[in-house]
Amino acid sequence: MFKYIDQKQLVTIVAAAVIVFFLNKWLTKKVTNADGTVSNYVGHDSIGHF
């Protein structure tokens, strides 16, 4: 694998994965409804959710 990807590309891929993980964690909210189903909402508490 390292034969085809140089170190700069590997660092960029890892950084992008970490950024996407934290944005997903920060911008989504899981809510469990009364009937037991789970709803996912996009947004943030300060700006509201869709």
PDB file of N, CA and C in Angstrom:
ATOM      1  N   MET A   1       0.828  -1.191   0.000  1.00  0.00           N
ATOM      2  CA  MET A   1       0.000   0.000   0.000  1.00  0.00           C
ATOM      3  C   MET A   1       0.872   1.255   0.000  1.00  0.00           C
ATOM      4  N   PHE A   2       1.945   1.254   0.790  1.00  0.00           N
ATOM      5  CA  PHE A   2       2.784   2.437   0.876  1.00  0.00           C
ATOM      6  C   PHE A   2       3.586   2.662  -0.398  1.00  0.00           C
ATOM      7  N   LYS A   3       3.617   1.658  -1.255  1.00  0.00           N
ATOM      8  CA  LYS A   3       4.305   1.808  -2.524  1.00  0.00           C
ATOM      9  C   LYS A   3       3.540   2.767  -3.434  1.00  0.00           C
ATOM     10  N   TYR A   4       2.216   2.809  -3.298  1.00  0.00           N
ATOM     11  CA  TYR A   4       1.380   3.628  -4.173  1.00  0.00           C
ATOM     12  C   TYR A   4       0.988   4.963  -3.548  1.00  0.00           C
ATOM     13  N   ILE A   5       1.082   5.097  -2.223  1.00  0.00           N
ATOM     14  CA  ILE A   5       0.692   6.330  -1.538  1.00  0.00           C
ATOM     15  C   ILE A   5       1.923   6.882  -0.825  1.00  0.00           C
ATOM     16  N   ASP A   6       2.306   8.123  -1.133  1.00  0.00           N
ATOM     17  CA  ASP A   6       3.447   8.700  -0.436  1.00  0.00           C
ATOM     18  C   ASP A   6       3.002   9.287   0.907  1.00  0.00           C
ATOM     19  N   GLN A   7       3.960   9.783   1.675  1.00  0.00           N
ATOM     20  CA  GLN A   7       3.682  10.196   3.047  1.00  0.00           C
ATOM     21  C   GLN A   7       2.737  11.402   3.101  1.00  0.00           C
ATOM     22  N   LYS A   8       2.868  12.353   2.176  1.00  0.00           N
ATOM     23  CA  LYS A   8       1.981  13.514   2.157  1.00  0.00           C
ATOM     24  C   LYS A   8       0.532  13.096   1.934  1.00  0.00           C
ATOM     25  N   GLN A   9       0.312  12.181   1.015  1.00  0.00           N
ATOM     26  CA  GLN A   9      -1.044  11.710   0.744  1.00  0.00           C
ATOM     27  C   GLN A   9      -1.617  10.972   1.944  1.00  0.00           C
ATOM     28  N   LEU A  10      -0.803  10.182   2.621  1.00  0.00           N
ATOM     29  CA  LEU A  10      -1.253   9.443   3.792  1.00  0.00           C
ATOM     30  C   LEU A  10      -1.652  10.404   4.908  1.00  0.00           C
ATOM     31  N   VAL A  11      -0.854  11.430   5.147  1.00  0.00           N
ATOM     32  CA  VAL A  11      -1.176  12.428   6.169  1.00  0.00           C
ATOM     33  C   VAL A  11      -2.448  13.166   5.801  1.00  0.00           C
ATOM     34  N   THR A  12      -2.628  13.501   4.535  1.00  0.00           N
ATOM     35  CA  THR A  12      -3.834  14.187   4.087  1.00  0.00           C
ATOM     36  C   THR A  12      -5.067  13.311   4.267  1.00  0.00           C
ATOM     37  N   ILE A  13      -4.976  12.044   3.947  1.00  0.00           N
ATOM     38  CA  ILE A  13      -6.108  11.125   4.098  1.00  0.00           C
ATOM     39  C   ILE A  13      -6.484  10.970   5.563  1.00  0.00           C
ATOM     40  N   VAL A  14      -5.489  10.820   6.428  1.00  0.00           N
ATOM     41  CA  VAL A  14      -5.757  10.672   7.860  1.00  0.00           C
ATOM     42  C   VAL A  14      -6.362  11.950   8.424  1.00  0.00           C
ATOM     43  N   ALA A  15      -5.831  13.103   8.044  1.00  0.00           N
ATOM     44  CA  ALA A  15      -6.372  14.378   8.530  1.00  0.00           C
ATOM     45  C   ALA A  15      -7.806  14.577   8.055  1.00  0.00           C
ATOM     46  N   ALA A  16      -8.090  14.237   6.813  1.00  0.00           N
ATOM     47  CA  ALA A  16      -9.448  14.372   6.289  1.00  0.00           C
ATOM     48  C   ALA A  16     -10.415  13.448   7.025  1.00  0.00           C
ATOM     49  N   ALA A  17      -9.976  12.237   7.325  1.00  0.00           N
ATOM     50  CA  ALA A  17     -10.835  11.296   8.050  1.00  0.00           C
ATOM     51  C   ALA A  17     -11.141  11.808   9.452  1.00  0.00           C
ATOM     52  N   VAL A  18     -10.157  12.370  10.124  1.00  0.00           N
ATOM     53  CA  VAL A  18     -10.376  12.915  11.468  1.00  0.00           C
ATOM     54  C   VAL A  18     -11.323  14.110  11.416  1.00  0.00           C
ATOM     55  N   ILE A  19     -11.141  14.986  10.440  1.00  0.00           N
ATOM     56  CA  ILE A  19     -12.014  16.155  10.295  1.00  0.00           C
ATOM     57  C   ILE A  19     -13.444  15.730  10.015  1.00  0.00           C
ATOM     58  N   VAL A  20     -13.641  14.777   9.130  1.00  0.00           N
ATOM     59  CA  VAL A  20     -14.992  14.300   8.818  1.00  0.00           C
ATOM     60  C   VAL A  20     -15.620  13.648  10.041  1.00  0.00           C
ATOM     61  N   PHE A  21     -14.849  12.885  10.798  1.00  0.00           N
ATOM     62  CA  PHE A  21     -15.373  12.248  12.007  1.00  0.00           C
ATOM     63  C   PHE A  21     -15.876  13.290  12.997  1.00  0.00           C
ATOM     64  N   PHE A  22     -15.071  14.331  13.267  1.00  0.00           N
ATOM     65  CA  PHE A  22     -15.484  15.339  14.235  1.00  0.00           C
ATOM     66  C   PHE A  22     -16.619  16.215  13.721  1.00  0.00           C
ATOM     67  N   LEU A  23     -16.646  16.523  12.420  1.00  0.00           N
ATOM     68  CA  LEU A  23     -17.777  17.278  11.880  1.00  0.00           C
ATOM     69  C   LEU A  23     -19.063  16.473  11.979  1.00  0.00           C
ATOM     70  N   ASN A  24     -18.985  15.180  11.702  1.00  0.00           N
ATOM     71  CA  ASN A  24     -20.153  14.316  11.823  1.00  0.00           C
ATOM     72  C   ASN A  24     -20.636  14.281  13.268  1.00  0.00           C
ATOM     73  N   LYS A  25     -19.707  14.183  14.202  1.00  0.00           N
ATOM     74  CA  LYS A  25     -20.061  14.138  15.621  1.00  0.00           C
ATOM     75  C   LYS A  25     -20.648  15.475  16.079  1.00  0.00           C
ATOM     76  N   TRP A  26     -20.137  16.582  15.581  1.00  0.00           N
ATOM     77  CA  TRP A  26     -20.550  17.905  16.015  1.00  0.00           C
ATOM     78  C   TRP A  26     -21.847  18.343  15.337  1.00  0.00           C
ATOM     79  N   LEU A  27     -22.056  17.944  14.078  1.00  0.00           N
ATOM     80  CA  LEU A  27     -23.188  18.464  13.313  1.00  0.00           C
ATOM     81  C   LEU A  27     -24.393  17.528  13.232  1.00  0.00           C
ATOM     82  N   THR A  28     -24.345  16.368  13.846  1.00  0.00           N
ATOM     83  CA  THR A  28     -25.498  15.477  13.811  1.00  0.00           C
ATOM     84  C   THR A  28     -25.958  15.174  15.225  1.00  0.00           C
ATOM     85  N   LYS A  29     -27.233  14.866  15.348  1.00  0.00           N
ATOM     86  CA  LYS A  29     -27.807  14.563  16.647  1.00  0.00           C
ATOM     87  C   LYS A  29     -28.739  13.376  16.492  1.00  0.00           C
ATOM     88  N   LYS A  30     -28.569  12.367  17.351  1.00  0.00           N
ATOM     89  CA  LYS A  30     -29.444  11.200  17.355  1.00  0.00           C
ATOM     90  C   LYS A  30     -30.471  11.377  18.456  1.00  0.00           C
ATOM     91  N   VAL A  31     -31.732  11.177  18.111  1.00  0.00           N
ATOM     92  CA  VAL A  31     -32.811  11.293  19.079  1.00  0.00           C
ATOM     93  C   VAL A  31     -33.596   9.993  19.061  1.00  0.00           C
ATOM     94  N   THR A  32     -33.808   9.424  20.232  1.00  0.00           N
ATOM     95  CA  THR A  32     -34.622   8.217  20.345  1.00  0.00           C
ATOM     96  C   THR A  32     -36.067   8.649  20.593  1.00  0.00           C
ATOM     97  N   ASN A  33     -36.954   8.235  19.714  1.00  0.00           N
ATOM     98  CA  ASN A  33     -38.360   8.603  19.823  1.00  0.00           C
ATOM     99  C   ASN A  33     -39.061   7.745  20.876  1.00  0.00           C
ATOM    100  N   ALA A  34     -40.292   8.105  21.204  1.00  0.00           N
ATOM    101  CA  ALA A  34     -41.055   7.391  22.223  1.00  0.00           C
ATOM    102  C   ALA A  34     -41.326   5.940  21.820  1.00  0.00           C
ATOM    103  N   ASP A  35     -41.443   5.678  20.510  1.00  0.00           N
ATOM    104  CA  ASP A  35     -41.726   4.308  20.072  1.00  0.00           C
ATOM    105  C   ASP A  35     -40.465   3.466  19.906  1.00  0.00           C
ATOM    106  N   GLY A  36     -39.299   4.006  20.241  1.00  0.00           N
ATOM    107  CA  GLY A  36     -38.062   3.243  20.191  1.00  0.00           C
ATOM    108  C   GLY A  36     -37.241   3.439  18.933  1.00  0.00           C
ATOM    109  N   THR A  37     -37.770   4.123  17.929  1.00  0.00           N
ATOM    110  CA  THR A  37     -36.992   4.370  16.715  1.00  0.00           C
ATOM    111  C   THR A  37     -35.997   5.496  16.959  1.00  0.00           C
ATOM    112  N   VAL A  38     -34.960   5.524  16.147  1.00  0.00           N
ATOM    113  CA  VAL A  38     -33.921   6.536  16.282  1.00  0.00           C
ATOM    114  C   VAL A  38     -33.984   7.463  15.074  1.00  0.00           C
ATOM    115  N   SER A  39     -34.023   8.765  15.337  1.00  0.00           N
ATOM    116  CA  SER A  39     -34.026   9.769  14.275  1.00  0.00           C
ATOM    117  C   SER A  39     -32.701  10.518  14.302  1.00  0.00           C
ATOM    118  N   ASN A  40     -32.157  10.796  13.124  1.00  0.00           N
ATOM    119  CA  ASN A  40     -30.927  11.565  13.010  1.00  0.00           C
ATOM    120  C   ASN A  40     -31.255  12.943  12.468  1.00  0.00           C
ATOM    121  N   TYR A  41     -30.726  13.967  13.111  1.00  0.00           N
ATOM    122  CA  TYR A  41     -30.943  15.338  12.678  1.00  0.00           C
ATOM    123  C   TYR A  41     -29.602  15.988  12.376  1.00  0.00           C
ATOM    124  N   VAL A  42     -29.595  16.859  11.369  1.00  0.00           N
ATOM    125  CA  VAL A  42     -28.378  17.578  10.992  1.00  0.00           C
ATOM    126  C   VAL A  42     -28.508  19.000  11.478  1.00  0.00           C
ATOM    127  N   GLY A  43     -27.462  19.518  12.063  1.00  0.00           N
ATOM    128  CA  GLY A  43     -27.453  20.880  12.574  1.00  0.00           C
ATOM    129  C   GLY A  43     -26.645  20.939  13.857  1.00  0.00           C
ATOM    130  N   HIS A  44     -26.859  21.995  14.616  1.00  0.00           N
ATOM    131  CA  HIS A  44     -26.180  22.183  15.894  1.00  0.00           C
ATOM    132  C   HIS A  44     -27.161  22.845  16.839  1.00  0.00           C
ATOM    133  N   ASP A  45     -26.956  22.657  18.132  1.00  0.00           N
ATOM    134  CA  ASP A  45     -27.875  23.209  19.122  1.00  0.00           C
ATOM    135  C   ASP A  45     -27.993  24.726  19.007  1.00  0.00           C
ATOM    136  N   SER A  46     -26.917  25.399  18.633  1.00  0.00           N
ATOM    137  CA  SER A  46     -26.949  26.863  18.558  1.00  0.00           C
ATOM    138  C   SER A  46     -27.667  27.385  17.327  1.00  0.00           C
ATOM    139  N   ILE A  47     -27.768  26.564  16.255  1.00  0.00           N
ATOM    140  CA  ILE A  47     -28.433  27.038  15.030  1.00  0.00           C
ATOM    141  C   ILE A  47     -29.705  26.269  14.716  1.00  0.00           C
ATOM    142  N   GLY A  48     -29.953  25.208  15.451  1.00  0.00           N
ATOM    143  CA  GLY A  48     -31.156  24.406  15.206  1.00  0.00           C
ATOM    144  C   GLY A  48     -30.834  23.160  14.416  1.00  0.00           C
ATOM    145  N   HIS A  49     -31.808  22.266  14.315  1.00  0.00           N
ATOM    146  CA  HIS A  49     -31.637  20.997  13.622  1.00  0.00           C
ATOM    147  C   HIS A  49     -32.710  20.842  12.547  1.00  0.00           C
ATOM    148  N   PHE A  50     -32.377  20.114  11.507  1.00  0.00           N
ATOM    149  CA  PHE A  50     -33.320  19.839  10.404  1.00  0.00           C
ATOM    150  C   PHE A  50     -33.710  18.390  10.435  1.00  0.00           C
TER     151      PHE A  50
END
